[in-house]
């Protein structure tokens, strides 16, 4: 399978005062003041042709967190796959080193043998379909104040389940020809 992966930091913000619910002719009203309860991280893996996504909320975004998420993809979600072609950006945690930091050498190698890394060019992370799915998640689910990590996990899990049940696919229309037309001036000759 071709899997696109990205992550997103999320501030955990709680309302200082209760919001006033939406009613006919009036949108929800909430106070500009909030209480900051730290941050969390959301990992997003998307198999966009199949309409399948895997998400995980973590307290931090470390090499070990990335490696643990990838282990779930390799050993649980795609255990039958010979190899996972992974499209991701060049973030420092998206490297083989992360696996050797998180696992024994033997286990790291076993996981890495099933992953084929493909990195988006610098300043071109928009080529990663996971970015599109993160934007959809923000619009439909996480683009509002969420005060704690437990609520965030529940919301993201519910959203992911619903999207997967409906098999929401991303119809990628950007071709090699499009790329050559738009970016040929940046090609090294």
Protein backbone atom coordinates (compact mmCIF):
# COMPACT_ATOMS: atom_id res chain seq x y z
CA UNK A 1 0.00 0.00 0.00
CA UNK A 2 0.93 3.64 -0.52
CA UNK A 3 0.61 5.46 2.82
CA UNK A 4 0.97 9.21 3.32
CA UNK A 5 1.96 10.28 6.82
CA UNK A 6 2.07 13.58 8.63
CA UNK A 7 1.46 14.93 12.09
CA UNK A 8 -0.07 18.03 13.62
CA UNK A 9 0.50 19.72 16.96
CA UNK A 10 -2.67 20.68 18.81
CA UNK A 11 -3.00 23.18 21.65
CA UNK A 12 -5.27 21.95 24.41
CA UNK A 13 -7.48 24.95 25.18
CA UNK A 14 -10.33 25.01 27.67
CA UNK A 15 -12.96 27.75 27.80
CA UNK A 16 -12.61 30.04 30.79
CA UNK A 17 -16.36 30.69 30.72
CA UNK A 18 -19.12 28.50 29.30
CA UNK A 19 -20.05 29.26 25.72
CA UNK A 20 -23.56 30.32 24.73
CA UNK A 21 -25.04 27.60 22.49
CA UNK A 22 -26.15 28.24 18.94
CA UNK A 23 -29.82 29.02 18.41
CA UNK A 24 -31.96 29.84 15.40
CA UNK A 25 -30.51 32.89 13.68
CA UNK A 26 -27.47 33.10 15.96
CA UNK A 27 -24.18 31.21 15.98
CA UNK A 28 -22.49 29.83 19.09
CA UNK A 29 -20.79 32.51 21.16
CA UNK A 30 -17.69 31.95 23.23
CA UNK A 31 -15.39 34.17 25.21
CA UNK A 32 -12.00 35.12 23.81
CA UNK A 33 -10.34 34.08 27.07
CA UNK A 34 -9.24 30.49 27.49
CA UNK A 35 -7.08 28.30 29.71
CA UNK A 36 -4.11 26.62 28.05
CA UNK A 37 -3.70 22.98 29.11
CA UNK A 38 -0.53 22.14 27.19
CA UNK A 39 -0.21 20.54 23.79
CA UNK A 40 -0.67 17.19 22.09
CA UNK A 41 0.31 15.66 18.77
CA UNK A 42 -1.86 13.93 16.18
CA UNK A 43 -0.27 11.39 13.82
CA UNK A 44 -2.18 10.84 10.57
CA UNK A 45 -1.54 8.02 8.09
CA UNK A 46 -3.70 7.93 4.96
CA UNK A 47 -4.09 5.25 2.33
CA UNK A 48 -5.91 7.70 0.11
CA UNK A 49 -6.77 5.34 -2.76
CA UNK A 50 -8.53 2.95 -0.35
CA UNK A 51 -10.19 5.64 1.77
CA UNK A 52 -8.47 4.37 4.89
CA UNK A 53 -6.74 6.35 7.62
CA UNK A 54 -5.02 5.57 10.91
CA UNK A 55 -4.65 8.24 13.59
CA UNK A 56 -3.05 8.40 17.00
CA UNK A 57 -2.96 11.17 19.59
CA UNK A 58 0.24 11.37 21.64
CA UNK A 59 1.41 13.71 24.40
CA UNK A 60 4.53 14.60 22.43
CA UNK A 61 6.09 14.23 19.00
CA UNK A 62 9.36 12.40 19.53
CA UNK A 63 11.37 9.86 17.58
CA UNK A 64 9.99 7.14 19.84
CA UNK A 65 6.40 8.32 19.30
CA UNK A 66 6.89 8.18 15.53
CA UNK A 67 8.51 4.74 15.68
CA UNK A 68 5.70 3.40 17.91
CA UNK A 69 3.07 4.73 15.47
CA UNK A 70 4.89 3.14 12.53
CA UNK A 71 5.10 -0.16 14.43
CA UNK A 72 1.29 -0.13 14.72
CA UNK A 73 1.02 0.41 10.95
CA UNK A 74 3.50 -2.36 10.14
CA UNK A 75 2.50 -5.02 12.68
CA UNK A 76 -1.24 -4.41 13.12
CA UNK A 77 -2.89 -2.31 10.43
CA UNK A 78 -0.86 -3.57 7.45
CA UNK A 79 0.60 -6.80 8.80
CA UNK A 80 -0.18 -8.66 5.54
CA UNK A 81 1.68 -6.13 3.36
CA UNK A 82 5.11 -7.08 2.03
CA UNK A 83 6.17 -3.44 2.01
CA UNK A 84 4.58 -0.12 2.92
CA UNK A 85 5.51 2.75 0.61
CA UNK A 86 5.55 5.71 3.00
CA UNK A 87 5.30 9.29 1.74
CA UNK A 88 6.33 11.82 4.37
CA UNK A 89 8.22 15.07 4.79
CA UNK A 90 11.83 15.46 5.89
CA UNK A 91 11.12 16.06 9.57
CA UNK A 92 13.98 14.89 11.77
CA UNK A 93 11.89 12.13 13.39
CA UNK A 94 10.95 10.56 10.04
CA UNK A 95 14.25 8.70 9.81
CA UNK A 96 15.50 5.17 10.40
CA UNK A 97 17.34 6.42 13.49
CA UNK A 98 13.97 6.79 15.25
CA UNK A 99 13.41 3.03 15.12
CA UNK A 100 16.82 2.20 16.56
CA UNK A 101 16.19 4.66 19.40
CA UNK A 102 12.80 3.12 20.20
CA UNK A 103 13.44 -0.60 19.70
CA UNK A 104 16.16 -3.21 19.85
CA UNK A 105 18.31 -3.41 16.72
CA UNK A 106 16.60 -6.65 15.69
CA UNK A 107 13.07 -5.29 16.09
CA UNK A 108 13.96 -1.99 14.40
CA UNK A 109 15.39 -3.83 11.39
CA UNK A 110 12.33 -6.09 11.20
CA UNK A 111 10.01 -3.05 11.06
CA UNK A 112 12.24 -1.08 8.67
CA UNK A 113 12.42 -4.01 6.24
CA UNK A 114 8.72 -3.45 5.61
CA UNK A 115 8.95 0.34 5.03
CA UNK A 116 10.08 2.09 1.86
CA UNK A 117 10.54 5.82 2.61
CA UNK A 118 9.67 8.47 0.00
CA UNK A 119 10.28 12.06 1.09
CA UNK A 120 8.49 15.08 -0.33
CA UNK A 121 10.82 17.80 -1.62
CA UNK A 122 11.55 20.71 0.72
CA UNK A 123 8.74 23.29 0.66
CA UNK A 124 6.47 20.81 -1.12
CA UNK A 125 4.77 19.03 1.75
CA UNK A 126 1.47 19.90 0.00
CA UNK A 127 2.29 16.88 -2.22
CA UNK A 128 1.56 14.69 0.80
CA UNK A 129 -2.11 13.60 0.84
CA UNK A 130 -1.99 13.38 4.65
CA UNK A 131 -1.88 17.21 4.65
CA UNK A 132 -5.25 17.23 2.86
CA UNK A 133 -6.74 14.81 5.36
CA UNK A 134 -5.40 16.81 8.32
CA UNK A 135 -7.13 19.88 6.88
CA UNK A 136 -10.41 17.94 6.61
CA UNK A 137 -9.97 16.75 10.20
CA UNK A 138 -9.45 20.35 11.33
CA UNK A 139 -12.60 21.51 9.55
CA UNK A 140 -14.78 18.64 10.75
CA UNK A 141 -13.33 17.84 14.17
CA UNK A 142 -10.27 19.46 15.73
CA UNK A 143 -10.46 23.06 14.53
CA UNK A 144 -11.98 24.25 17.80
CA UNK A 145 -11.09 24.42 21.46
CA UNK A 146 -10.51 21.02 23.01
CA UNK A 147 -9.46 21.21 26.65
CA UNK A 148 -7.74 17.90 27.39
CA UNK A 149 -5.97 15.00 25.72
CA UNK A 150 -8.65 12.42 26.60
CA UNK A 151 -11.35 14.43 24.82
CA UNK A 152 -9.01 14.98 21.88
CA UNK A 153 -8.33 11.22 21.63
CA UNK A 154 -12.06 10.43 21.73
CA UNK A 155 -12.89 13.08 19.12
CA UNK A 156 -10.10 12.02 16.74
CA UNK A 157 -10.93 8.31 17.15
CA UNK A 158 -14.63 8.95 16.41
CA UNK A 159 -13.80 11.12 13.41
CA UNK A 160 -11.37 8.49 12.05
CA UNK A 161 -13.91 5.69 12.51
CA UNK A 162 -16.60 7.67 10.67
CA UNK A 163 -14.26 8.61 7.79
CA UNK A 164 -13.15 4.99 7.44
CA UNK A 165 -16.72 3.64 7.54
CA UNK A 166 -17.60 5.96 4.64
CA UNK A 167 -14.31 5.08 2.87
CA UNK A 168 -13.68 8.75 2.07
CA UNK A 169 -11.04 8.79 -0.65
CA UNK A 170 -8.82 11.57 -1.94
CA UNK A 171 -8.93 11.90 -5.71
CA UNK A 172 -5.39 12.93 -6.54
CA UNK A 173 -5.28 14.65 -9.95
CA UNK A 174 -1.79 16.15 -9.92
CA UNK A 175 0.27 14.26 -12.51
CA UNK A 176 3.92 14.15 -13.52
CA UNK A 177 3.00 16.33 -16.52
CA UNK A 178 1.43 18.91 -14.16
CA UNK A 179 4.57 18.85 -12.04
CA UNK A 180 6.82 19.37 -15.06
CA UNK A 181 4.69 22.32 -16.22
CA UNK A 182 4.54 24.00 -12.80
CA UNK A 183 7.97 23.26 -11.39
CA UNK A 184 10.37 22.77 -14.30
CA UNK A 185 12.12 26.07 -13.51
CA UNK A 186 13.25 24.50 -10.20
CA UNK A 187 14.69 21.35 -11.77
CA UNK A 188 18.45 20.90 -11.63
CA UNK A 189 19.86 20.72 -15.14
